[in-house]
């Protein structure tokens, strides 16, 4: 965002020189389009900055067990509402067996996305035989996101040292029937 601003200021100085000093009048042919282009770049950078979402990656298979230690999609829905109230945008990743734990059968990304009111791109069920943990941690790294889970990911700490960073893992659960999340 700094580069387009500098380009805009320099090109506006060129436009001013071309309009006020007759010996630099040809400079308008370069400075004018440069000012327009840099203004456009500045507006695009500003728009991207405003549209940037603060993502969190949710360990769906972990979070769905937070209430009474039983698998419940309602628990995950409640966590999603709370995160949304904080302005956080979720991506939920499930182990392949999550559908079996919830409904006694396999459930695809699309099924979970409908149940959770999320887009299909926000929900992922890992393939059978694939551990979800490294995919959760990789997604968090790619998105610059924190992870909502009570898992400590000790087996993955060497590959993903950010799990040891305070605040990277957002813990939660229920106390006296009320949801709590370790958010600032």
Protein backbone atom coordinates (compact mmCIF):
# COMPACT_ATOMS: atom_id res chain seq x y z
CA UNK A 1 0.00 0.00 0.00
CA UNK A 2 3.01 2.29 0.52
CA UNK A 3 4.36 1.85 -3.02
CA UNK A 4 1.16 3.03 -4.79
CA UNK A 5 0.99 6.00 -2.43
CA UNK A 6 4.58 7.02 -3.23
CA UNK A 7 3.94 6.56 -6.96
CA UNK A 8 0.83 8.72 -6.70
CA UNK A 9 2.68 11.52 -4.90
CA UNK A 10 5.58 11.50 -7.36
CA UNK A 11 3.29 11.46 -10.39
CA UNK A 12 1.13 14.25 -8.94
CA UNK A 13 4.29 16.31 -8.47
CA UNK A 14 5.08 15.65 -12.14
CA UNK A 15 1.57 16.76 -13.16
CA UNK A 16 1.96 19.94 -11.08
CA UNK A 17 5.32 20.67 -12.68
CA UNK A 18 3.93 20.07 -16.18
CA UNK A 19 1.01 22.43 -15.56
CA UNK A 20 2.98 25.23 -13.91
CA UNK A 21 6.35 25.19 -15.67
CA UNK A 22 6.19 25.58 -19.48
CA UNK A 23 9.55 23.84 -20.03
CA UNK A 24 8.09 20.65 -18.42
CA UNK A 25 4.78 20.64 -20.31
CA UNK A 26 5.60 17.35 -22.10
CA UNK A 27 5.90 15.67 -18.70
CA UNK A 28 2.10 15.56 -18.55
CA UNK A 29 2.19 12.72 -21.12
CA UNK A 30 3.99 10.56 -18.58
CA UNK A 31 2.87 11.96 -15.23
CA UNK A 32 -0.86 12.08 -16.03
CA UNK A 33 -1.30 8.37 -16.84
CA UNK A 34 1.09 7.47 -14.02
CA UNK A 35 -1.04 9.45 -11.55
CA UNK A 36 -4.19 7.73 -12.78
CA UNK A 37 -2.61 4.24 -12.62
CA UNK A 38 -1.13 4.77 -9.16
CA UNK A 39 -4.47 6.08 -7.88
CA UNK A 40 -6.13 2.94 -9.23
CA UNK A 41 -3.50 0.73 -7.55
CA UNK A 42 -3.96 2.60 -4.28
CA UNK A 43 -7.74 2.11 -4.40
CA UNK A 44 -7.33 -1.61 -5.17
CA UNK A 45 -4.87 -2.04 -2.29
CA UNK A 46 -7.24 -0.23 0.07
CA UNK A 47 -10.16 -2.38 -1.07
CA UNK A 48 -8.13 -5.55 -0.51
CA UNK A 49 -7.19 -4.34 2.96
CA UNK A 50 -10.83 -3.70 3.86
CA UNK A 51 -11.92 -7.06 2.45
CA UNK A 52 -9.29 -9.06 4.30
CA UNK A 53 -10.93 -11.59 6.57
CA UNK A 54 -9.60 -12.81 9.86
CA UNK A 55 -9.77 -16.56 9.50
CA UNK A 56 -9.80 -19.27 12.13
CA UNK A 57 -9.44 -22.95 11.36
CA UNK A 58 -11.67 -25.17 13.46
CA UNK A 59 -10.75 -28.73 14.35
CA UNK A 60 -14.32 -29.90 13.77
CA UNK A 61 -13.82 -33.40 15.13
CA UNK A 62 -12.38 -32.00 18.35
CA UNK A 63 -14.85 -29.15 18.87
CA UNK A 64 -17.96 -31.28 18.26
CA UNK A 65 -17.07 -33.20 21.48
CA UNK A 66 -16.73 -30.17 23.75
CA UNK A 67 -20.19 -30.42 25.29
CA UNK A 68 -20.66 -33.51 27.47
CA UNK A 69 -17.82 -35.26 25.57
CA UNK A 70 -20.30 -36.54 22.98
CA UNK A 71 -20.32 -35.78 19.25
CA UNK A 72 -22.87 -33.04 18.56
CA UNK A 73 -23.11 -30.78 15.50
CA UNK A 74 -25.00 -28.27 17.67
CA UNK A 75 -21.86 -27.68 19.70
CA UNK A 76 -20.01 -26.75 16.54
CA UNK A 77 -22.87 -24.45 15.44
CA UNK A 78 -22.71 -22.64 18.77
CA UNK A 79 -18.95 -22.16 18.42
CA UNK A 80 -19.45 -20.82 14.88
CA UNK A 81 -21.97 -18.25 16.13
CA UNK A 82 -19.60 -17.11 18.88
CA UNK A 83 -16.68 -16.80 16.45
CA UNK A 84 -18.87 -14.89 13.99
CA UNK A 85 -19.79 -12.43 16.74
CA UNK A 86 -16.05 -11.83 17.15
CA UNK A 87 -15.71 -11.08 13.43
CA UNK A 88 -13.84 -14.30 12.71
CA UNK A 89 -14.40 -16.33 9.54
CA UNK A 90 -14.25 -20.12 9.97
CA UNK A 91 -12.81 -22.95 7.97
CA UNK A 92 -13.81 -26.29 9.51
CA UNK A 93 -11.81 -29.47 8.95
CA UNK A 94 -13.13 -32.88 10.03
CA UNK A 95 -11.61 -36.34 10.34
CA UNK A 96 -13.10 -38.82 7.86
CA UNK A 97 -15.02 -40.59 10.64
CA UNK A 98 -16.86 -37.47 11.86
CA UNK A 99 -20.03 -38.37 9.96
CA UNK A 100 -20.05 -41.83 11.53
CA UNK A 101 -19.78 -40.32 15.00
CA UNK A 102 -22.61 -37.87 14.32
CA UNK A 103 -24.98 -39.79 12.06
CA UNK A 104 -23.72 -43.36 11.82
CA UNK A 105 -22.62 -42.89 8.18
CA UNK A 106 -20.00 -41.09 6.13
CA UNK A 107 -20.75 -37.41 5.46
CA UNK A 108 -19.15 -35.32 2.72
CA UNK A 109 -17.98 -31.70 2.83
CA UNK A 110 -21.25 -30.60 1.24
CA UNK A 111 -23.38 -32.33 3.87
CA UNK A 112 -21.46 -30.68 6.71
CA UNK A 113 -21.48 -27.29 5.00
CA UNK A 114 -25.29 -27.43 4.74
CA UNK A 115 -25.64 -28.48 8.37
CA UNK A 116 -23.35 -25.66 9.52
CA UNK A 117 -24.61 -22.94 7.17
CA UNK A 118 -21.18 -22.49 5.61
CA UNK A 119 -20.01 -22.51 2.01
CA UNK A 120 -18.61 -25.74 0.65
CA UNK A 121 -15.15 -24.18 0.51
CA UNK A 122 -15.25 -23.50 4.25
CA UNK A 123 -15.67 -27.17 5.17
CA UNK A 124 -13.33 -30.08 4.49
CA UNK A 125 -13.62 -33.74 5.41
CA UNK A 126 -10.23 -35.39 5.04
CA UNK A 127 -9.99 -38.65 3.08
CA UNK A 128 -10.15 -41.94 4.95
CA UNK A 129 -6.75 -42.90 6.32
CA UNK A 130 -5.48 -39.30 6.25
CA UNK A 131 -4.83 -37.58 9.57
CA UNK A 132 -6.65 -34.24 9.82
CA UNK A 133 -4.11 -32.61 12.13
CA UNK A 134 -1.46 -31.71 9.51
CA UNK A 135 -4.17 -30.43 7.14
CA UNK A 136 -5.63 -28.27 9.92
CA UNK A 137 -2.21 -26.85 10.77
CA UNK A 138 -1.26 -26.32 7.11
CA UNK A 139 -4.55 -24.52 6.42
CA UNK A 140 -3.99 -22.29 9.45
CA UNK A 141 -0.47 -21.48 8.26
CA UNK A 142 -1.68 -20.72 4.70
CA UNK A 143 -4.46 -18.45 5.95
CA UNK A 144 -2.41 -16.81 8.70
CA UNK A 145 -5.08 -18.14 11.04
CA UNK A 146 -5.35 -19.48 14.56
CA UNK A 147 -6.80 -22.91 15.35
CA UNK A 148 -9.88 -23.57 17.49
CA UNK A 149 -9.24 -26.85 19.33
CA UNK A 150 -8.32 -28.40 22.64
CA UNK A 151 -5.72 -30.59 20.91
CA UNK A 152 -2.14 -29.54 21.65
CA UNK A 153 -0.71 -31.07 18.42
CA UNK A 154 2.42 -32.27 20.19
CA UNK A 155 3.11 -34.80 17.40
CA UNK A 156 3.21 -31.96 14.88
CA UNK A 157 5.09 -29.31 16.90
CA UNK A 158 8.37 -29.87 15.06
CA UNK A 159 6.81 -29.30 11.65
CA UNK A 160 4.43 -26.58 12.89
CA UNK A 161 6.26 -24.78 15.73
CA UNK A 162 3.56 -22.10 15.81
CA UNK A 163 1.39 -24.48 17.89
CA UNK A 164 3.60 -23.62 20.87
CA UNK A 165 3.10 -19.88 20.36
CA UNK A 166 0.71 -18.46 22.98
CA UNK A 167 -2.67 -17.64 21.46
CA UNK A 168 -2.22 -19.71 18.29
CA UNK A 169 -4.48 -22.44 19.62
CA UNK A 170 -7.85 -21.17 20.80
CA UNK A 171 -9.13 -23.45 23.52
CA UNK A 172 -12.71 -23.70 24.60
CA UNK A 173 -15.43 -25.78 26.16
CA UNK A 174 -18.42 -25.50 28.44
CA UNK A 175 -18.63 -24.36 32.05
CA UNK A 176 -21.97 -24.62 33.81
CA UNK A 177 -23.59 -25.21 30.41
CA UNK A 178 -22.13 -22.01 28.90
CA UNK A 179 -19.69 -21.93 26.01
CA UNK A 180 -16.32 -20.30 26.66
CA UNK A 181 -13.57 -19.59 24.18
CA UNK A 182 -10.07 -18.45 25.07
CA UNK A 183 -10.32 -15.28 22.98
CA UNK A 184 -9.06 -11.83 23.93
